[in-house]
Protein backbone atom coordinates (compact mmCIF):
# COMPACT_ATOMS: atom_id res chain seq x y z
CA MET A 1 86.40 -105.76 22.43
CA ASN A 2 82.81 -105.81 23.65
CA ASP A 3 80.44 -103.20 25.13
CA ASP A 4 81.70 -103.83 28.65
CA ALA A 5 85.32 -103.26 27.63
CA TYR A 6 84.46 -100.00 25.86
CA MET A 7 82.58 -98.80 28.93
CA ARG A 8 85.68 -99.54 31.03
CA LEU A 9 87.56 -97.16 28.69
CA CYS A 10 84.85 -94.56 29.30
CA LEU A 11 85.39 -94.93 33.04
CA ILE A 12 89.11 -94.26 32.50
CA GLU A 13 88.16 -91.09 30.62
CA ALA A 14 85.87 -90.13 33.50
CA GLU A 15 88.79 -90.54 35.92
CA ARG A 16 90.84 -88.17 33.75
CA ALA A 17 88.06 -85.61 34.02
CA ALA A 18 87.91 -85.97 37.80
CA ARG A 19 91.66 -85.40 38.10
CA LEU A 20 91.14 -82.08 36.29
CA GLY A 21 88.32 -81.11 38.64
CA GLU A 22 85.74 -81.76 35.91
CA VAL A 23 82.51 -83.68 36.43
CA PRO A 24 83.68 -87.25 35.76
CA VAL A 25 81.98 -88.28 32.55
CA GLY A 26 83.84 -90.18 29.84
CA ALA A 27 82.97 -91.17 26.27
CA VAL A 28 84.38 -93.32 23.49
CA VAL A 29 83.30 -93.50 19.82
CA VAL A 30 83.79 -96.82 18.02
CA VAL A 31 83.37 -97.67 14.33
CA GLY A 32 83.68 -101.38 13.66
CA ASP A 33 86.32 -102.40 16.15
CA ARG A 34 88.28 -99.14 15.92
CA ILE A 35 88.17 -96.37 18.50
CA VAL A 36 87.90 -93.15 16.50
CA GLY A 37 87.21 -90.71 19.33
CA ARG A 38 87.64 -90.35 23.08
CA GLY A 39 86.62 -87.60 25.40
CA HIS A 40 85.89 -86.49 28.91
CA ASN A 41 84.30 -83.35 30.30
CA LEU A 42 86.46 -80.26 29.74
CA ARG A 43 84.03 -77.39 30.39
CA GLU A 44 85.93 -75.96 33.35
CA THR A 45 89.33 -76.55 31.78
CA THR A 46 88.49 -74.92 28.45
CA GLY A 47 85.75 -72.49 29.49
CA ASP A 48 83.66 -74.02 26.70
CA PRO A 49 80.05 -74.80 27.66
CA THR A 50 79.84 -77.38 24.86
CA ALA A 51 82.89 -79.38 26.00
CA HIS A 52 80.90 -82.31 27.34
CA ALA A 53 82.52 -85.74 27.04
CA GLU A 54 80.26 -86.78 24.15
CA VAL A 55 80.92 -83.63 22.12
CA VAL A 56 84.68 -83.86 22.72
CA ALA A 57 84.63 -87.50 21.55
CA LEU A 58 82.44 -86.68 18.52
CA ARG A 59 84.80 -83.88 17.48
CA GLU A 60 87.77 -86.24 17.66
CA ALA A 61 85.86 -88.89 15.72
CA ALA A 62 84.95 -86.39 12.99
CA ARG A 63 88.62 -85.37 12.68
CA SER A 64 89.70 -89.01 12.61
CA LEU A 65 87.14 -89.97 9.96
CA GLY A 66 87.50 -86.76 7.96
CA HIS A 67 83.78 -86.09 7.96
CA TRP A 68 81.03 -84.80 10.26
CA ARG A 69 78.83 -87.82 9.55
CA ILE A 70 79.94 -90.45 12.03
CA LEU A 71 78.08 -93.30 10.39
CA ASP A 72 77.93 -96.87 11.72
CA ALA A 73 79.38 -95.67 15.03
CA THR A 74 78.57 -96.54 18.60
CA LEU A 75 79.10 -93.87 21.22
CA TYR A 76 79.69 -95.18 24.74
CA VAL A 77 79.32 -92.77 27.66
CA THR A 78 79.18 -93.15 31.43
CA LEU A 79 76.16 -90.85 31.95
CA GLU A 80 72.89 -90.50 30.06
CA PRO A 81 73.44 -87.64 27.56
CA CYS A 82 71.88 -84.21 28.04
CA ALA A 83 69.74 -82.52 25.36
CA MET A 84 72.76 -80.89 23.69
CA CYS A 85 74.70 -84.14 23.49
CA ALA A 86 71.70 -86.23 22.42
CA GLY A 87 71.08 -83.68 19.66
CA ALA A 88 74.71 -83.88 18.60
CA LEU A 89 74.43 -87.67 18.34
CA VAL A 90 71.39 -87.33 16.09
CA ASN A 91 73.07 -84.67 13.95
CA ALA A 92 76.26 -86.73 13.61
CA ARG A 93 74.18 -89.72 12.45
CA VAL A 94 75.61 -92.00 15.14
CA LYS A 95 74.02 -95.44 14.83
CA ARG A 96 74.02 -96.59 18.44
CA LEU A 97 74.33 -95.14 21.93
CA VAL A 98 75.34 -97.17 24.99
CA TYR A 99 75.34 -95.33 28.31
CA GLY A 100 75.96 -96.17 31.93
CA CYS A 101 73.78 -94.47 34.52
CA VAL A 102 70.69 -92.32 34.07
CA ASP A 103 70.63 -88.59 34.72
CA PRO A 104 67.20 -87.97 36.29
CA LYS A 105 67.59 -84.17 36.18
CA ALA A 106 68.97 -83.57 32.69
CA GLY A 107 68.97 -86.87 30.80
CA ALA A 108 67.63 -86.51 27.29
CA VAL A 109 67.54 -90.17 26.35
CA GLU A 110 65.02 -91.56 28.80
CA SER A 111 64.84 -89.49 31.98
CA VAL A 112 63.53 -86.09 30.82
CA PHE A 113 63.42 -86.38 27.01
CA ASP A 114 63.93 -89.08 24.37
CA ILE A 115 65.75 -87.15 21.66
CA PRO A 116 67.56 -90.11 20.02
CA ARG A 117 64.28 -91.87 19.22
CA GLU A 118 62.15 -88.78 18.46
CA PRO A 119 60.18 -89.72 15.31
CA ARG A 120 60.00 -86.12 14.07
CA LEU A 121 63.79 -85.91 13.71
CA ASN A 122 65.60 -87.01 10.57
CA HIS A 123 67.69 -89.70 12.32
CA ARG A 124 67.13 -92.11 15.17
CA LEU A 125 69.61 -94.11 17.24
CA ILE A 126 69.58 -97.52 18.81
CA VAL A 127 69.82 -96.86 22.55
CA GLU A 128 70.99 -99.21 25.30
CA GLY A 129 71.26 -97.89 28.84
CA GLY A 130 72.38 -99.24 32.17
CA LEU A 131 75.74 -100.76 31.25
CA ARG A 132 77.89 -100.74 34.39
CA ALA A 133 75.32 -98.29 35.80
CA SER A 134 76.28 -98.77 39.45
CA GLU A 135 79.95 -98.20 38.76
CA CYS A 136 79.28 -95.14 36.60
CA ALA A 137 76.96 -93.65 39.22
CA GLU A 138 79.45 -94.32 42.01
CA VAL A 139 82.17 -92.35 40.20
CA LEU A 140 79.82 -89.36 40.10
CA ARG A 141 78.71 -89.81 43.73
CA GLN A 142 82.31 -89.91 44.94
CA PHE A 143 83.21 -86.81 42.94
CA PHE A 144 80.32 -84.73 44.29
CA ARG A 145 80.83 -86.08 47.82
CA SER A 146 84.46 -84.91 47.71
CA ARG A 147 83.42 -81.50 46.40
CA ARG A 148 80.98 -81.00 49.27
CA SER A 149 83.49 -81.85 52.00
């Protein structure tokens, strides 16, 4: 599979979140060619403020790998990670981040902060943004449009 195919899986995770009434963000963690973690937003469902798609996927990846260091992994996510999630990626030692659309209000990868490439931190990630950005943004627009009507 390639980056585009993994992002399609993230969009499926985002759809699962939307069906639960969650903000539709989906994430997938890949090591080599193996998916080791999947997740979508579950904050409302679980009452857990940390249950963002990225954190859910990282937790599953850590369980799958048997360790908190998620080395040589790529995390794919439909929306630019927030500060909490970007920090989790750094702490988990994820190698690469690929995200869909930017989050101009809370994005901590390029929009508001640049946590994954902060030179004062002990780990930095390779970051690639904008993959299927229009499609990822449209999923969010449709969700919030439906909530307002």
